[in-house]
Amino acid sequence: MNEDQEINAVAVDRREETLVTRHPGYVATEQMVRDVAAERRMGMFQLYRIFWSILAFLEILLALRFVLRLISANAESGFGMLIYGVTGLFVAPFNGLISTPTPGGSAIEVTTLIAMAVYALIFWGIGYVIGLVADLILPDSRSFFTRTTRQQTPGGEGNVRTTHTTISNGKM
């Protein structure tokens, strides 16, 4: 029987818990709804943040490479070697695509700009497909908390005050 409960608990996307507190003249009911689908969606959001952070880091490195080439920075310095070494792998597929103009000794590395645009498009496309798949797999989710308080004040049966409070986060 215990194993069946664990299996059913995993299969359910919504879990409700109700707590009733009774005191003389005072009844409070708290209902909490936990949406497991919302928790899964939050995990997907964290994955998205990591995914887009990787793209941002790559774009920053490529922009640094472009600026260093533009200002004719010393490629033999430690920082120059680091940036050119790390970004060389990502720019390599685009080398030779377009010639690099060098007006006044500065190199305008257009291939780096093309690489930045292509990687942004690739990441956008992958992110879009992941979003579509996630919308199919993870249903809309809502999570809310409801508290109902019924308080009877002295003076008889007619002096009853009821308060309803609902907090909802909407779609996550």
C-alpha atoms as a PDB file:
ATOM      1  CA  MET A   1       0.000   0.000   0.000  1.00  0.00           C
ATOM      2  CA  ASN A   2       2.826   2.399   0.820  1.00  0.00           C
ATOM      3  CA  GLU A   3       4.451   1.772  -2.570  1.00  0.00           C
ATOM      4  CA  ASP A   4       1.182   2.655  -4.335  1.00  0.00           C
ATOM      5  CA  GLN A   5       1.032   5.972  -2.521  1.00  0.00           C
ATOM      6  CA  GLU A   6       4.569   6.868  -3.610  1.00  0.00           C
ATOM      7  CA  ILE A   7       3.789   6.035  -7.245  1.00  0.00           C
ATOM      8  CA  ASN A   8       0.593   8.107  -7.166  1.00  0.00           C
ATOM      9  CA  ALA A   9       2.376  11.014  -5.503  1.00  0.00           C
ATOM     10  CA  VAL A  10       4.856  11.184  -8.371  1.00  0.00           C
ATOM     11  CA  ALA A  11       2.140  11.005 -11.044  1.00  0.00           C
ATOM     12  CA  VAL A  12       0.060  13.865  -9.606  1.00  0.00           C
ATOM     13  CA  ASP A  13       0.893  17.380 -10.807  1.00  0.00           C
ATOM     14  CA  ARG A  14      -1.094  19.103  -8.072  1.00  0.00           C
ATOM     15  CA  ARG A  15      -0.929  18.412  -4.359  1.00  0.00           C
ATOM     16  CA  GLU A  16      -3.287  20.034  -1.872  1.00  0.00           C
ATOM     17  CA  GLU A  17      -2.904  20.318   1.874  1.00  0.00           C
ATOM     18  CA  THR A  18      -5.550  21.719   4.218  1.00  0.00           C
ATOM     19  CA  LEU A  19      -4.920  22.724   7.823  1.00  0.00           C
ATOM     20  CA  VAL A  20      -7.864  23.597  10.098  1.00  0.00           C
ATOM     21  CA  THR A  21      -7.225  25.330  13.419  1.00  0.00           C
ATOM     22  CA  ARG A  22     -10.122  25.535  15.867  1.00  0.00           C
ATOM     23  CA  HIS A  23     -10.299  27.604  19.028  1.00  0.00           C
ATOM     24  CA  PRO A  24     -13.393  28.759  20.918  1.00  0.00           C
ATOM     25  CA  GLY A  25     -14.978  31.418  18.706  1.00  0.00           C
ATOM     26  CA  TYR A  26     -12.263  31.136  16.043  1.00  0.00           C
ATOM     27  CA  VAL A  27     -11.798  28.777  13.090  1.00  0.00           C
ATOM     28  CA  ALA A  28      -8.948  29.179  10.614  1.00  0.00           C
ATOM     29  CA  THR A  29      -8.555  27.090   7.472  1.00  0.00           C
ATOM     30  CA  GLU A  30      -5.338  27.202   5.462  1.00  0.00           C
ATOM     31  CA  GLN A  31      -5.164  25.470   2.131  1.00  0.00           C
ATOM     32  CA  MET A  32      -1.893  25.203   0.268  1.00  0.00           C
ATOM     33  CA  VAL A  33      -1.722  23.921  -3.284  1.00  0.00           C
ATOM     34  CA  ARG A  34       1.658  22.750  -4.509  1.00  0.00           C
ATOM     35  CA  ASP A  35       1.991  22.553  -8.258  1.00  0.00           C
ATOM     36  CA  VAL A  36       4.664  20.046  -9.239  1.00  0.00           C
ATOM     37  CA  ALA A  37       4.501  21.176 -12.874  1.00  0.00           C
ATOM     38  CA  ALA A  38       5.456  24.676 -11.730  1.00  0.00           C
ATOM     39  CA  GLU A  39       8.486  23.250  -9.976  1.00  0.00           C
ATOM     40  CA  ARG A  40       9.486  21.435 -13.169  1.00  0.00           C
ATOM     41  CA  ARG A  41       9.010  24.642 -15.121  1.00  0.00           C
ATOM     42  CA  MET A  42      11.258  26.456 -12.648  1.00  0.00           C
ATOM     43  CA  GLY A  43      13.948  23.851 -13.294  1.00  0.00           C
ATOM     44  CA  MET A  44      13.552  24.503 -17.019  1.00  0.00           C
ATOM     45  CA  PHE A  45      13.926  28.231 -16.368  1.00  0.00           C
ATOM     46  CA  GLN A  46      17.206  27.589 -14.543  1.00  0.00           C
ATOM     47  CA  LEU A  47      18.412  25.553 -17.529  1.00  0.00           C
ATOM     48  CA  TYR A  48      17.472  28.452 -19.802  1.00  0.00           C
ATOM     49  CA  ARG A  49      19.489  30.869 -17.667  1.00  0.00           C
ATOM     50  CA  ILE A  50      22.566  28.669 -17.907  1.00  0.00           C
ATOM     51  CA  PHE A  51      22.053  28.247 -21.665  1.00  0.00           C
ATOM     52  CA  TRP A  52      21.810  32.004 -22.347  1.00  0.00           C
ATOM     53  CA  SER A  53      24.674  32.750 -19.941  1.00  0.00           C
ATOM     54  CA  ILE A  54      26.939  30.509 -22.023  1.00  0.00           C
ATOM     55  CA  LEU A  55      25.985  32.471 -25.155  1.00  0.00           C
ATOM     56  CA  ALA A  56      26.581  35.800 -23.382  1.00  0.00           C
ATOM     57  CA  PHE A  57      30.027  34.648 -22.220  1.00  0.00           C
ATOM     58  CA  LEU A  58      30.934  33.499 -25.738  1.00  0.00           C
ATOM     59  CA  GLU A  59      29.736  36.775 -27.261  1.00  0.00           C
ATOM     60  CA  ILE A  60      31.776  38.791 -24.742  1.00  0.00           C
ATOM     61  CA  LEU A  61      34.921  36.799 -25.559  1.00  0.00           C
ATOM     62  CA  LEU A  62      34.370  37.265 -29.297  1.00  0.00           C
ATOM     63  CA  ALA A  63      33.738  40.994 -28.814  1.00  0.00           C
ATOM     64  CA  LEU A  64      37.012  41.238 -26.853  1.00  0.00           C
ATOM     65  CA  ARG A  65      38.807  39.506 -29.717  1.00  0.00           C
ATOM     66  CA  PHE A  66      37.288  41.945 -32.206  1.00  0.00           C
ATOM     67  CA  VAL A  67      38.291  44.990 -30.138  1.00  0.00           C
ATOM     68  CA  LEU A  68      41.830  43.690 -29.536  1.00  0.00           C
ATOM     69  CA  ARG A  69      42.310  43.150 -33.277  1.00  0.00           C
ATOM     70  CA  LEU A  70      40.784  46.552 -34.008  1.00  0.00           C
ATOM     71  CA  ILE A  71      43.203  48.416 -31.723  1.00  0.00           C
ATOM     72  CA  SER A  72      46.170  46.291 -32.868  1.00  0.00           C
ATOM     73  CA  ALA A  73      46.842  44.883 -29.406  1.00  0.00           C
ATOM     74  CA  ASN A  74      49.999  42.836 -28.913  1.00  0.00           C
ATOM     75  CA  ALA A  75      49.045  39.227 -29.666  1.00  0.00           C
ATOM     76  CA  GLU A  76      52.122  37.997 -27.785  1.00  0.00           C
ATOM     77  CA  SER A  77      50.983  39.420 -24.437  1.00  0.00           C
ATOM     78  CA  GLY A  78      49.446  37.045 -21.907  1.00  0.00           C
ATOM     79  CA  PHE A  79      45.936  38.476 -22.177  1.00  0.00           C
ATOM     80  CA  GLY A  80      46.075  38.595 -25.976  1.00  0.00           C
ATOM     81  CA  MET A  81      47.276  34.997 -26.154  1.00  0.00           C
ATOM     82  CA  LEU A  82      44.471  33.931 -23.796  1.00  0.00           C
ATOM     83  CA  ILE A  83      41.704  35.672 -25.751  1.00  0.00           C
ATOM     84  CA  TYR A  84      43.003  34.603 -29.175  1.00  0.00           C
ATOM     85  CA  GLY A  85      43.568  31.044 -27.955  1.00  0.00           C
ATOM     86  CA  VAL A  86      40.099  30.606 -26.475  1.00  0.00           C
ATOM     87  CA  THR A  87      38.217  32.328 -29.290  1.00  0.00           C
ATOM     88  CA  GLY A  88      40.325  30.836 -32.086  1.00  0.00           C
ATOM     89  CA  LEU A  89      38.339  27.613 -31.865  1.00  0.00           C
ATOM     90  CA  PHE A  90      35.048  29.464 -32.364  1.00  0.00           C
ATOM     91  CA  VAL A  91      36.281  31.717 -35.181  1.00  0.00           C
ATOM     92  CA  ALA A  92      38.111  28.922 -37.059  1.00  0.00           C
ATOM     93  CA  PRO A  93      35.084  27.778 -39.124  1.00  0.00           C
ATOM     94  CA  PHE A  94      34.755  31.321 -40.496  1.00  0.00           C
ATOM     95  CA  ASN A  95      38.433  32.008 -41.289  1.00  0.00           C
ATOM     96  CA  GLY A  96      38.999  32.721 -44.960  1.00  0.00           C
ATOM     97  CA  LEU A  97      35.314  33.484 -45.541  1.00  0.00           C
ATOM     98  CA  ILE A  98      36.020  37.190 -46.013  1.00  0.00           C
ATOM     99  CA  SER A  99      39.347  38.967 -46.231  1.00  0.00           C
ATOM    100  CA  THR A 100      40.320  41.052 -43.216  1.00  0.00           C
ATOM    101  CA  PRO A 101      40.818  44.716 -44.151  1.00  0.00           C
ATOM    102  CA  THR A 102      43.686  46.455 -42.340  1.00  0.00           C
ATOM    103  CA  PRO A 103      43.299  50.243 -42.692  1.00  0.00           C
ATOM    104  CA  GLY A 104      46.104  52.075 -40.868  1.00  0.00           C
ATOM    105  CA  GLY A 105      47.458  48.922 -39.223  1.00  0.00           C
ATOM    106  CA  SER A 106      44.188  48.076 -37.451  1.00  0.00           C
ATOM    107  CA  ALA A 107      42.489  44.835 -38.449  1.00  0.00           C
ATOM    108  CA  ILE A 108      38.733  44.872 -38.846  1.00  0.00           C
ATOM    109  CA  GLU A 109      38.066  41.175 -38.357  1.00  0.00           C
ATOM    110  CA  VAL A 110      34.683  40.804 -40.042  1.00  0.00           C
ATOM    111  CA  THR A 111      34.821  37.033 -39.583  1.00  0.00           C
ATOM    112  CA  THR A 112      34.557  37.550 -35.815  1.00  0.00           C
ATOM    113  CA  LEU A 113      31.416  39.639 -36.296  1.00  0.00           C
ATOM    114  CA  ILE A 114      29.982  36.963 -38.568  1.00  0.00           C
ATOM    115  CA  ALA A 115      30.821  34.301 -35.961  1.00  0.00           C
ATOM    116  CA  MET A 116      29.053  36.346 -33.277  1.00  0.00           C
ATOM    117  CA  ALA A 117      25.918  36.632 -35.421  1.00  0.00           C
ATOM    118  CA  VAL A 118      25.918  32.954 -36.420  1.00  0.00           C
ATOM    119  CA  TYR A 119      26.378  31.711 -32.842  1.00  0.00           C
ATOM    120  CA  ALA A 120      23.607  34.026 -31.624  1.00  0.00           C
ATOM    121  CA  LEU A 121      21.276  32.637 -34.302  1.00  0.00           C
ATOM    122  CA  ILE A 122      22.227  29.043 -33.481  1.00  0.00           C
ATOM    123  CA  PHE A 123      21.615  29.569 -29.764  1.00  0.00           C
ATOM    124  CA  TRP A 124      18.334  31.370 -30.485  1.00  0.00           C
ATOM    125  CA  GLY A 125      17.165  28.488 -32.702  1.00  0.00           C
ATOM    126  CA  ILE A 126      18.090  25.831 -30.148  1.00  0.00           C
ATOM    127  CA  GLY A 127      16.431  27.856 -27.372  1.00  0.00           C
ATOM    128  CA  TYR A 128      13.284  28.245 -29.450  1.00  0.00           C
ATOM    129  CA  VAL A 129      13.052  24.500 -30.113  1.00  0.00           C
ATOM    130  CA  ILE A 130      13.668  23.697 -26.443  1.00  0.00           C
ATOM    131  CA  GLY A 131      10.901  26.164 -25.526  1.00  0.00           C
ATOM    132  CA  LEU A 132       8.471  24.513 -27.931  1.00  0.00           C
ATOM    133  CA  VAL A 133       9.246  21.058 -26.578  1.00  0.00           C
ATOM    134  CA  ALA A 134       8.985  22.288 -22.985  1.00  0.00           C
ATOM    135  CA  ASP A 135       5.557  23.807 -23.672  1.00  0.00           C
ATOM    136  CA  LEU A 136       4.378  20.458 -25.027  1.00  0.00           C
ATOM    137  CA  ILE A 137       5.802  18.443 -22.147  1.00  0.00           C
ATOM    138  CA  LEU A 138       5.170  20.797 -19.225  1.00  0.00           C
ATOM    139  CA  PRO A 139       1.553  21.984 -18.948  1.00  0.00           C
ATOM    140  CA  ASP A 140       0.551  25.432 -17.734  1.00  0.00           C
ATOM    141  CA  SER A 141       1.047  25.601 -14.037  1.00  0.00           C
ATOM    142  CA  ARG A 142      -0.408  27.603 -11.222  1.00  0.00           C
ATOM    143  CA  SER A 143       0.404  27.582  -7.566  1.00  0.00           C
ATOM    144  CA  PHE A 144      -1.711  29.272  -4.934  1.00  0.00           C
ATOM    145  CA  PHE A 145      -2.279  29.535  -1.219  1.00  0.00           C
ATOM    146  CA  THR A 146      -5.727  30.189   0.283  1.00  0.00           C
ATOM    147  CA  ARG A 147      -6.469  31.073   3.893  1.00  0.00           C
ATOM    148  CA  THR A 148      -9.983  31.374   5.273  1.00  0.00           C
ATOM    149  CA  THR A 149     -10.548  32.698   8.766  1.00  0.00           C
ATOM    150  CA  ARG A 150     -13.921  32.599  10.506  1.00  0.00           C
ATOM    151  CA  GLN A 151     -13.983  34.429  13.796  1.00  0.00           C
ATOM    152  CA  GLN A 152     -16.961  34.714  16.101  1.00  0.00           C
ATOM    153  CA  THR A 153     -16.760  37.715  18.376  1.00  0.00           C
ATOM    154  CA  PRO A 154     -18.558  37.906  21.707  1.00  0.00           C
ATOM    155  CA  GLY A 155     -22.175  38.939  21.439  1.00  0.00           C
ATOM    156  CA  GLY A 156     -23.903  35.968  19.936  1.00  0.00           C
ATOM    157  CA  GLU A 157     -24.235  33.983  16.742  1.00  0.00           C
ATOM    158  CA  GLY A 158     -24.664  37.010  14.443  1.00  0.00           C
ATOM    159  CA  ASN A 159     -21.225  38.469  15.129  1.00  0.00           C
ATOM    160  CA  VAL A 160     -19.174  36.359  12.725  1.00  0.00           C
ATOM    161  CA  ARG A 161     -16.355  37.737  10.631  1.00  0.00           C
ATOM    162  CA  THR A 162     -15.015  35.679   7.714  1.00  0.00           C
ATOM    163  CA  THR A 163     -11.849  36.596   5.838  1.00  0.00           C
ATOM    164  CA  HIS A 164     -10.634  34.931   2.628  1.00  0.00           C
ATOM    165  CA  THR A 165      -7.090  35.512   1.390  1.00  0.00           C
ATOM    166  CA  THR A 166      -5.749  33.940  -1.795  1.00  0.00           C
ATOM    167  CA  ILE A 167      -2.235  34.416  -3.077  1.00  0.00           C
ATOM    168  CA  SER A 168      -1.550  33.167  -6.600  1.00  0.00           C
ATOM    169  CA  ASN A 169       1.608  33.384  -8.649  1.00  0.00           C
ATOM    170  CA  GLY A 170      -0.167  32.798 -11.971  1.00  0.00           C
ATOM    171  CA  LYS A 171       1.704  31.103 -14.793  1.00  0.00           C
ATOM    172  CA  MET A 172       5.334  30.379 -14.029  1.00  0.00           C
END
